[in-house]
PDB file of all heavy atoms in Angstrom:
ATOM      1  N   ARG A   1       0.014 -10.018 -10.979  1.00  0.00           N
ATOM      2  CA  ARG A   1      -0.365  -8.656 -11.441  1.00  0.00           C
ATOM      3  C   ARG A   1      -0.539  -7.722 -10.246  1.00  0.00           C
ATOM      4  O   ARG A   1      -0.129  -6.560 -10.327  1.00  0.00           O
ATOM      5  CB  ARG A   1      -1.692  -8.776 -12.235  1.00  0.00           C
ATOM      6  CG  ARG A   1      -1.549  -9.318 -13.626  1.00  0.00           C
ATOM      7  CD  ARG A   1      -2.810  -9.254 -14.406  1.00  0.00           C
ATOM      8  NE  ARG A   1      -3.374  -7.909 -14.507  1.00  0.00           N
ATOM      9  CZ  ARG A   1      -4.576  -7.646 -14.958  1.00  0.00           C
ATOM     10  NH1 ARG A   1      -5.374  -8.634 -15.378  1.00  0.00           N
ATOM     11  NH2 ARG A   1      -4.984  -6.384 -15.025  1.00  0.00           N
ATOM     12  N   VAL A   2      -1.173  -8.189  -9.171  1.00  0.00           N
ATOM     13  CA  VAL A   2      -1.363  -7.324  -8.014  1.00  0.00           C
ATOM     14  C   VAL A   2       0.004  -6.869  -7.446  1.00  0.00           C
ATOM     15  O   VAL A   2       0.236  -5.687  -7.199  1.00  0.00           O
ATOM     16  CB  VAL A   2      -2.134  -8.065  -6.929  1.00  0.00           C
ATOM     17  CG1 VAL A   2      -2.120  -7.313  -5.595  1.00  0.00           C
ATOM     18  CG2 VAL A   2      -3.582  -8.310  -7.358  1.00  0.00           C
ATOM     19  N   VAL A   3       0.940  -7.809  -7.311  1.00  0.00           N
ATOM     20  CA  VAL A   3       2.220  -7.489  -6.748  1.00  0.00           C
ATOM     21  C   VAL A   3       3.053  -6.558  -7.707  1.00  0.00           C
ATOM     22  O   VAL A   3       3.599  -5.544  -7.289  1.00  0.00           O
ATOM     23  CB  VAL A   3       3.053  -8.807  -6.527  1.00  0.00           C
ATOM     24  CG1 VAL A   3       4.515  -8.447  -6.197  1.00  0.00           C
ATOM     25  CG2 VAL A   3       2.442  -9.515  -5.323  1.00  0.00           C
ATOM     26  N   MET A   4       3.060  -6.897  -8.967  1.00  0.00           N
ATOM     27  CA  MET A   4       3.859  -6.090  -9.901  1.00  0.00           C
ATOM     28  C   MET A   4       3.369  -4.674 -10.042  1.00  0.00           C
ATOM     29  O   MET A   4       4.180  -3.743 -10.219  1.00  0.00           O
ATOM     30  CB  MET A   4       3.884  -6.770 -11.303  1.00  0.00           C
ATOM     31  CG  MET A   4       4.567  -8.133 -11.327  1.00  0.00           C
ATOM     32  SD  MET A   4       6.282  -8.092 -10.934  1.00  0.00           S
ATOM     33  CE  MET A   4       6.962  -7.439 -12.476  1.00  0.00           C
ATOM     34  N   THR A   5       2.088  -4.455  -9.916  1.00  0.00           N
ATOM     35  CA  THR A   5       1.539  -3.075  -9.954  1.00  0.00           C
ATOM     36  C   THR A   5       2.225  -2.177  -8.932  1.00  0.00           C
ATOM     37  O   THR A   5       2.526  -1.045  -9.209  1.00  0.00           O
ATOM     38  CB  THR A   5       0.066  -3.099  -9.758  1.00  0.00           C
ATOM     39  OG1 THR A   5      -0.573  -3.943 -10.764  1.00  0.00           O
ATOM     40  CG2 THR A   5      -0.569  -1.690  -9.891  1.00  0.00           C
ATOM     41  N   ASP A   6       2.375  -2.702  -7.734  1.00  0.00           N
ATOM     42  CA  ASP A   6       2.947  -1.854  -6.630  1.00  0.00           C
ATOM     43  C   ASP A   6       4.480  -1.991  -6.534  1.00  0.00           C
ATOM     44  O   ASP A   6       5.147  -1.151  -6.043  1.00  0.00           O
ATOM     45  CB  ASP A   6       2.324  -2.261  -5.305  1.00  0.00           C
ATOM     46  CG  ASP A   6       0.844  -1.766  -5.207  1.00  0.00           C
ATOM     47  OD1 ASP A   6       0.594  -0.631  -5.609  1.00  0.00           O
ATOM     48  OD2 ASP A   6       0.034  -2.555  -4.730  1.00  0.00           O
ATOM     49  N   LEU A   7       4.996  -3.151  -6.961  1.00  0.00           N
ATOM     50  CA  LEU A   7       6.421  -3.417  -6.723  1.00  0.00           C
ATOM     51  C   LEU A   7       7.315  -2.786  -7.738  1.00  0.00           C
ATOM     52  O   LEU A   7       8.440  -2.345  -7.425  1.00  0.00           O
ATOM     53  CB  LEU A   7       6.612  -4.954  -6.739  1.00  0.00           C
ATOM     54  CG  LEU A   7       8.036  -5.436  -6.395  1.00  0.00           C
ATOM     55  CD1 LEU A   7       8.444  -4.990  -4.990  1.00  0.00           C
ATOM     56  CD2 LEU A   7       8.113  -6.971  -6.482  1.00  0.00           C
ATOM     57  N   ILE A   8       6.901  -2.659  -8.993  1.00  0.00           N
ATOM     58  CA  ILE A   8       7.822  -2.141 -10.048  1.00  0.00           C
ATOM     59  C   ILE A   8       8.335  -0.738  -9.689  1.00  0.00           C
ATOM     60  O   ILE A   8       9.553  -0.490  -9.826  1.00  0.00           O
ATOM     61  CB  ILE A   8       7.099  -2.157 -11.392  1.00  0.00           C
ATOM     62  CG1 ILE A   8       6.963  -3.615 -11.925  1.00  0.00           C
ATOM     63  CG2 ILE A   8       7.831  -1.332 -12.429  1.00  0.00           C
ATOM     64  CD1 ILE A   8       8.297  -4.263 -12.172  1.00  0.00           C
ATOM     65  N   PRO A   9       7.470   0.215  -9.275  1.00  0.00           N
ATOM     66  CA  PRO A   9       8.044   1.521  -8.975  1.00  0.00           C
ATOM     67  C   PRO A   9       9.064   1.513  -7.798  1.00  0.00           C
ATOM     68  O   PRO A   9      10.085   2.214  -7.879  1.00  0.00           O
ATOM     69  CB  PRO A   9       6.797   2.371  -8.551  1.00  0.00           C
ATOM     70  CG  PRO A   9       5.658   1.624  -9.180  1.00  0.00           C
ATOM     71  CD  PRO A   9       6.010   0.203  -9.180  1.00  0.00           C
ATOM     72  N   ILE A  10       8.828   0.631  -6.835  1.00  0.00           N
ATOM     73  CA  ILE A  10       9.762   0.528  -5.725  1.00  0.00           C
ATOM     74  C   ILE A  10      11.083  -0.035  -6.178  1.00  0.00           C
ATOM     75  O   ILE A  10      12.177   0.428  -5.869  1.00  0.00           O
ATOM     76  CB  ILE A  10       9.141  -0.318  -4.562  1.00  0.00           C
ATOM     77  CG1 ILE A  10       7.900   0.395  -4.014  1.00  0.00           C
ATOM     78  CG2 ILE A  10      10.149  -0.592  -3.491  1.00  0.00           C
ATOM     79  CD1 ILE A  10       7.147  -0.421  -2.997  1.00  0.00           C
ATOM     80  N   ALA A  11      10.971  -1.158  -6.934  1.00  0.00           N
ATOM     81  CA  ALA A  11      12.178  -1.815  -7.412  1.00  0.00           C
ATOM     82  C   ALA A  11      13.014  -0.888  -8.321  1.00  0.00           C
ATOM     83  O   ALA A  11      14.275  -0.890  -8.239  1.00  0.00           O
ATOM     84  CB  ALA A  11      11.811  -3.060  -8.174  1.00  0.00           C
ATOM     85  N   ASN A  12      12.345  -0.126  -9.163  1.00  0.00           N
ATOM     86  CA  ASN A  12      13.087   0.801 -10.023  1.00  0.00           C
ATOM     87  C   ASN A  12      13.793   1.867  -9.215  1.00  0.00           C
ATOM     88  O   ASN A  12      14.963   2.236  -9.520  1.00  0.00           O
ATOM     89  CB  ASN A  12      12.096   1.491 -11.035  1.00  0.00           C
ATOM     90  CG  ASN A  12      11.594   0.507 -12.080  1.00  0.00           C
ATOM     91  OD1 ASN A  12      12.203  -0.521 -12.349  1.00  0.00           O
ATOM     92  ND2 ASN A  12      10.462   0.805 -12.706  1.00  0.00           N
ATOM     93  N   ALA A  13      13.144   2.390  -8.199  1.00  0.00           N
ATOM     94  CA  ALA A  13      13.766   3.407  -7.390  1.00  0.00           C
ATOM     95  C   ALA A  13      14.946   2.881  -6.597  1.00  0.00           C
ATOM     96  O   ALA A  13      15.910   3.606  -6.324  1.00  0.00           O
ATOM     97  CB  ALA A  13      12.737   3.975  -6.392  1.00  0.00           C
ATOM     98  N   LEU A  14      14.921   1.579  -6.244  1.00  0.00           N
ATOM     99  CA  LEU A  14      16.009   0.976  -5.475  1.00  0.00           C
ATOM    100  C   LEU A  14      17.040   0.263  -6.409  1.00  0.00           C
ATOM    101  O   LEU A  14      18.005  -0.344  -5.870  1.00  0.00           O
ATOM    102  CB  LEU A  14      15.433  -0.029  -4.494  1.00  0.00           C
ATOM    103  CG  LEU A  14      14.507   0.516  -3.423  1.00  0.00           C
ATOM    104  CD1 LEU A  14      13.981  -0.577  -2.538  1.00  0.00           C
ATOM    105  CD2 LEU A  14      15.224   1.582  -2.574  1.00  0.00           C
ATOM    106  N   HIS A  15      16.787   0.334  -7.681  1.00  0.00           N
ATOM    107  CA  HIS A  15      17.689  -0.344  -8.670  1.00  0.00           C
ATOM    108  C   HIS A  15      17.758  -1.883  -8.363  1.00  0.00           C
ATOM    109  O   HIS A  15      18.872  -2.446  -8.413  1.00  0.00           O
ATOM    110  CB  HIS A  15      19.088   0.276  -8.651  1.00  0.00           C
ATOM    111  CG  HIS A  15      19.085   1.777  -8.804  1.00  0.00           C
ATOM    112  ND1 HIS A  15      18.676   2.407  -9.961  1.00  0.00           N
ATOM    113  CD2 HIS A  15      19.406   2.772  -7.926  1.00  0.00           C
ATOM    114  CE1 HIS A  15      18.717   3.691  -9.797  1.00  0.00           C
ATOM    115  NE2 HIS A  15      19.197   3.964  -8.571  1.00  0.00           N
ATOM    116  N   LEU A  16      16.636  -2.493  -8.083  1.00  0.00           N
ATOM    117  CA  LEU A  16      16.574  -3.908  -7.860  1.00  0.00           C
ATOM    118  C   LEU A  16      15.931  -4.603  -9.028  1.00  0.00           C
ATOM    119  O   LEU A  16      14.951  -4.122  -9.575  1.00  0.00           O
ATOM    120  CB  LEU A  16      15.772  -4.191  -6.571  1.00  0.00           C
ATOM    121  CG  LEU A  16      16.335  -3.700  -5.295  1.00  0.00           C
ATOM    122  CD1 LEU A  16      15.346  -3.972  -4.124  1.00  0.00           C
ATOM    123  CD2 LEU A  16      17.657  -4.298  -4.955  1.00  0.00           C
ATOM    124  N   GLU A  17      16.476  -5.774  -9.383  1.00  0.00           N
ATOM    125  CA  GLU A  17      15.901  -6.531 -10.492  1.00  0.00           C
ATOM    126  C   GLU A  17      14.762  -7.368  -9.929  1.00  0.00           C
ATOM    127  O   GLU A  17      14.804  -7.921  -8.854  1.00  0.00           O
ATOM    128  CB  GLU A  17      16.960  -7.490 -11.063  1.00  0.00           C
ATOM    129  CG  GLU A  17      16.504  -8.301 -12.258  1.00  0.00           C
ATOM    130  CD  GLU A  17      17.534  -9.190 -12.802  1.00  0.00           C
ATOM    131  OE1 GLU A  17      18.669  -9.304 -12.148  1.00  0.00           O
ATOM    132  OE2 GLU A  17      17.357  -9.860 -13.816  1.00  0.00           O
ATOM    133  N   VAL A  18      13.666  -7.366 -10.718  1.00  0.00           N
ATOM    134  CA  VAL A  18      12.451  -8.089 -10.276  1.00  0.00           C
ATOM    135  C   VAL A  18      12.445  -9.454 -10.987  1.00  0.00           C
ATOM    136  O   VAL A  18      12.332  -9.543 -12.208  1.00  0.00           O
ATOM    137  CB  VAL A  18      11.192  -7.335 -10.615  1.00  0.00           C
ATOM    138  CG1 VAL A  18       9.939  -8.152 -10.213  1.00  0.00           C
ATOM    139  CG2 VAL A  18      11.199  -5.986  -9.922  1.00  0.00           C
ATOM    140  N   LYS A  19      12.607 -10.525 -10.202  1.00  0.00           N
ATOM    141  CA  LYS A  19      12.522 -11.890 -10.695  1.00  0.00           C
ATOM    142  C   LYS A  19      11.488 -12.631  -9.815  1.00  0.00           C
ATOM    143  O   LYS A  19      11.866 -13.115  -8.715  1.00  0.00           O
ATOM    144  CB  LYS A  19      13.833 -12.566 -10.674  1.00  0.00           C
ATOM    145  CG  LYS A  19      14.786 -12.194 -11.803  1.00  0.00           C
ATOM    146  CD  LYS A  19      16.043 -13.112 -11.766  1.00  0.00           C
ATOM    147  CE  LYS A  19      16.945 -12.830 -12.956  1.00  0.00           C
ATOM    148  NZ  LYS A  19      18.141 -13.716 -12.937  1.00  0.00           N
ATOM    149  N   LEU A  20      10.307 -12.717 -10.264  1.00  0.00           N
ATOM    150  CA  LEU A  20       9.237 -13.392  -9.514  1.00  0.00           C
ATOM    151  C   LEU A  20       8.658 -14.496 -10.366  1.00  0.00           C
ATOM    152  O   LEU A  20       8.415 -14.355 -11.525  1.00  0.00           O
ATOM    153  CB  LEU A  20       8.149 -12.423  -9.072  1.00  0.00           C
ATOM    154  CG  LEU A  20       8.596 -11.350  -8.055  1.00  0.00           C
ATOM    155  CD1 LEU A  20       7.442 -10.392  -7.812  1.00  0.00           C
ATOM    156  CD2 LEU A  20       9.020 -12.025  -6.731  1.00  0.00           C
ATOM    157  N   ASP A  21       8.375 -15.640  -9.749  1.00  0.00           N
ATOM    158  CA  ASP A  21       7.750 -16.759 -10.377  1.00  0.00           C
ATOM    159  C   ASP A  21       6.242 -16.652 -10.168  1.00  0.00           C
ATOM    160  O   ASP A  21       5.766 -16.822  -9.005  1.00  0.00           O
ATOM    161  CB  ASP A  21       8.277 -18.047  -9.843  1.00  0.00           C
ATOM    162  CG  ASP A  21       7.740 -19.283 -10.539  1.00  0.00           C
ATOM    163  OD1 ASP A  21       6.704 -19.134 -11.251  1.00  0.00           O
ATOM    164  OD2 ASP A  21       8.314 -20.370 -10.404  1.00  0.00           O
ATOM    165  N   PRO A  22       5.421 -16.383 -11.171  1.00  0.00           N
ATOM    166  CA  PRO A  22       4.005 -16.244 -10.996  1.00  0.00           C
ATOM    167  C   PRO A  22       3.354 -17.469 -10.281  1.00  0.00           C
ATOM    168  O   PRO A  22       2.501 -17.302  -9.414  1.00  0.00           O
ATOM    169  CB  PRO A  22       3.453 -16.071 -12.425  1.00  0.00           C
ATOM    170  CG  PRO A  22       4.590 -15.496 -13.150  1.00  0.00           C
ATOM    171  CD  PRO A  22       5.805 -16.153 -12.610  1.00  0.00           C
ATOM    172  N   LYS A  23       3.745 -18.695 -10.671  1.00  0.00           N
ATOM    173  CA  LYS A  23       3.187 -19.858 -10.105  1.00  0.00           C
ATOM    174  C   LYS A  23       3.545 -19.959  -8.630  1.00  0.00           C
ATOM    175  O   LYS A  23       2.691 -20.363  -7.800  1.00  0.00           O
ATOM    176  CB  LYS A  23       3.668 -21.148 -10.850  1.00  0.00           C
ATOM    177  CG  LYS A  23       3.097 -21.225 -12.263  1.00  0.00           C
ATOM    178  CD  LYS A  23       3.559 -22.548 -12.906  1.00  0.00           C
ATOM    179  CE  LYS A  23       2.935 -22.668 -14.325  1.00  0.00           C
ATOM    180  NZ  LYS A  23       3.391 -23.930 -15.004  1.00  0.00           N
ATOM    181  N   GLU A  24       4.768 -19.649  -8.321  1.00  0.00           N
ATOM    182  CA  GLU A  24       5.200 -19.709  -6.886  1.00  0.00           C
ATOM    183  C   GLU A  24       4.458 -18.691  -6.035  1.00  0.00           C
ATOM    184  O   GLU A  24       4.074 -18.975  -4.942  1.00  0.00           O
ATOM    185  CB  GLU A  24       6.717 -19.484  -6.798  1.00  0.00           C
ATOM    186  CG  GLU A  24       7.261 -19.659  -5.383  1.00  0.00           C
ATOM    187  CD  GLU A  24       8.753 -19.434  -5.347  1.00  0.00           C
ATOM    188  OE1 GLU A  24       9.394 -19.465  -6.394  1.00  0.00           O
ATOM    189  OE2 GLU A  24       9.241 -19.263  -4.239  1.00  0.00           O
ATOM    190  N   LEU A  25       4.297 -17.477  -6.591  1.00  0.00           N
ATOM    191  CA  LEU A  25       3.534 -16.443  -5.873  1.00  0.00           C
ATOM    192  C   LEU A  25       2.120 -16.920  -5.632  1.00  0.00           C
ATOM    193  O   LEU A  25       1.574 -16.761  -4.501  1.00  0.00           O
ATOM    194  CB  LEU A  25       3.520 -15.126  -6.687  1.00  0.00           C
ATOM    195  CG  LEU A  25       4.634 -14.173  -6.471  1.00  0.00           C
ATOM    196  CD1 LEU A  25       4.514 -13.011  -7.446  1.00  0.00           C
ATOM    197  CD2 LEU A  25       4.683 -13.622  -5.052  1.00  0.00           C
ATOM    198  N   GLN A  26       1.509 -17.469  -6.641  1.00  0.00           N
ATOM    199  CA  GLN A  26       0.067 -17.931  -6.511  1.00  0.00           C
ATOM    200  C   GLN A  26      -0.009 -19.031  -5.491  1.00  0.00           C
ATOM    201  O   GLN A  26      -0.946 -19.070  -4.667  1.00  0.00           O
ATOM    202  CB  GLN A  26      -0.402 -18.430  -7.844  1.00  0.00           C
ATOM    203  CG  GLN A  26      -1.920 -18.397  -8.005  1.00  0.00           C
ATOM    204  CD  GLN A  26      -2.491 -17.009  -8.131  1.00  0.00           C
ATOM    205  OE1 GLN A  26      -1.865 -16.134  -8.734  1.00  0.00           O
ATOM    206  NE2 GLN A  26      -3.689 -16.805  -7.541  1.00  0.00           N
ATOM    207  N   ARG A  27       0.964 -19.963  -5.487  1.00  0.00           N
ATOM    208  CA  ARG A  27       0.965 -21.067  -4.563  1.00  0.00           C
ATOM    209  C   ARG A  27       1.150 -20.539  -3.105  1.00  0.00           C
ATOM    210  O   ARG A  27       0.473 -20.987  -2.186  1.00  0.00           O
ATOM    211  CB  ARG A  27       2.073 -22.055  -4.867  1.00  0.00           C
ATOM    212  CG  ARG A  27       2.070 -23.328  -4.051  1.00  0.00           C
ATOM    213  CD  ARG A  27       3.236 -24.199  -4.364  1.00  0.00           C
ATOM    214  NE  ARG A  27       3.430 -24.399  -5.763  1.00  0.00           N
ATOM    215  CZ  ARG A  27       4.490 -23.983  -6.454  1.00  0.00           C
ATOM    216  NH1 ARG A  27       5.458 -23.321  -5.859  1.00  0.00           N
ATOM    217  NH2 ARG A  27       4.599 -24.217  -7.737  1.00  0.00           N
ATOM    218  N   HIS A  28       2.032 -19.576  -2.928  1.00  0.00           N
ATOM    219  CA  HIS A  28       2.291 -19.042  -1.590  1.00  0.00           C
ATOM    220  C   HIS A  28       1.048 -18.358  -1.065  1.00  0.00           C
ATOM    221  O   HIS A  28       0.683 -18.512   0.097  1.00  0.00           O
ATOM    222  CB  HIS A  28       3.437 -18.057  -1.652  1.00  0.00           C
ATOM    223  CG  HIS A  28       3.872 -17.551  -0.298  1.00  0.00           C
ATOM    224  ND1 HIS A  28       4.865 -18.181   0.402  1.00  0.00           N
ATOM    225  CD2 HIS A  28       3.429 -16.506   0.447  1.00  0.00           C
ATOM    226  CE1 HIS A  28       5.042 -17.534   1.557  1.00  0.00           C
ATOM    227  NE2 HIS A  28       4.186 -16.522   1.596  1.00  0.00           N
ATOM    228  N   TYR A  29       0.364 -17.589  -1.916  1.00  0.00           N
ATOM    229  CA  TYR A  29      -0.882 -16.907  -1.474  1.00  0.00           C
ATOM    230  C   TYR A  29      -1.951 -17.898  -1.083  1.00  0.00           C
ATOM    231  O   TYR A  29      -2.641 -17.719  -0.065  1.00  0.00           O
ATOM    232  CB  TYR A  29      -1.406 -16.003  -2.594  1.00  0.00           C
ATOM    233  CG  TYR A  29      -2.712 -15.337  -2.277  1.00  0.00           C
ATOM    234  CD1 TYR A  29      -2.791 -14.291  -1.392  1.00  0.00           C
ATOM    235  CD2 TYR A  29      -3.872 -15.751  -2.866  1.00  0.00           C
ATOM    236  CE1 TYR A  29      -3.971 -13.686  -1.079  1.00  0.00           C
ATOM    237  CE2 TYR A  29      -5.111 -15.158  -2.584  1.00  0.00           C
ATOM    238  CZ  TYR A  29      -5.151 -14.115  -1.667  1.00  0.00           C
ATOM    239  OH  TYR A  29      -6.334 -13.542  -1.353  1.00  0.00           O
ATOM    240  N   PHE A  30      -2.020 -18.985  -1.788  1.00  0.00           N
ATOM    241  CA  PHE A  30      -3.045 -20.005  -1.501  1.00  0.00           C
ATOM    242  C   PHE A  30      -2.743 -20.771  -0.199  1.00  0.00           C
ATOM    243  O   PHE A  30      -3.633 -21.043   0.582  1.00  0.00           O
ATOM    244  CB  PHE A  30      -3.154 -20.978  -2.664  1.00  0.00           C
ATOM    245  CG  PHE A  30      -4.203 -22.013  -2.460  1.00  0.00           C
ATOM    246  CD1 PHE A  30      -5.568 -21.781  -2.565  1.00  0.00           C
ATOM    247  CD2 PHE A  30      -3.810 -23.357  -2.197  1.00  0.00           C
ATOM    248  CE1 PHE A  30      -6.487 -22.739  -2.320  1.00  0.00           C
ATOM    249  CE2 PHE A  30      -4.742 -24.353  -1.991  1.00  0.00           C
ATOM    250  CZ  PHE A  30      -6.116 -24.063  -2.057  1.00  0.00           C
ATOM    251  N   THR A  31      -1.476 -21.144  -0.029  1.00  0.00           N
ATOM    252  CA  THR A  31      -1.128 -21.998   1.126  1.00  0.00           C
ATOM    253  C   THR A  31      -0.773 -21.211   2.382  1.00  0.00           C
ATOM    254  O   THR A  31      -1.126 -21.615   3.470  1.00  0.00           O
ATOM    255  CB  THR A  31       0.074 -22.875   0.761  1.00  0.00           C
ATOM    256  OG1 THR A  31       1.180 -22.058   0.382  1.00  0.00           O
ATOM    257  CG2 THR A  31      -0.255 -23.806  -0.431  1.00  0.00           C
ATOM    258  N   SER A  32      -0.130 -20.055   2.228  1.00  0.00           N
ATOM    259  CA  SER A  32       0.328 -19.309   3.446  1.00  0.00           C
ATOM    260  C   SER A  32       0.102 -17.816   3.257  1.00  0.00           C
ATOM    261  O   SER A  32       1.089 -17.037   3.176  1.00  0.00           O
ATOM    262  CB  SER A  32       1.822 -19.627   3.707  1.00  0.00           C
ATOM    263  OG  SER A  32       2.055 -20.985   3.780  1.00  0.00           O
TER     264      SER A  32
END
């Protein structure tokens, strides 16, 4: 949720598709 709040406007402006795995994001934040 934290990432998507800030990332969606940027991705829309750059015409980039957002494909993020919530579990992978959570794991990355916890480990590194």
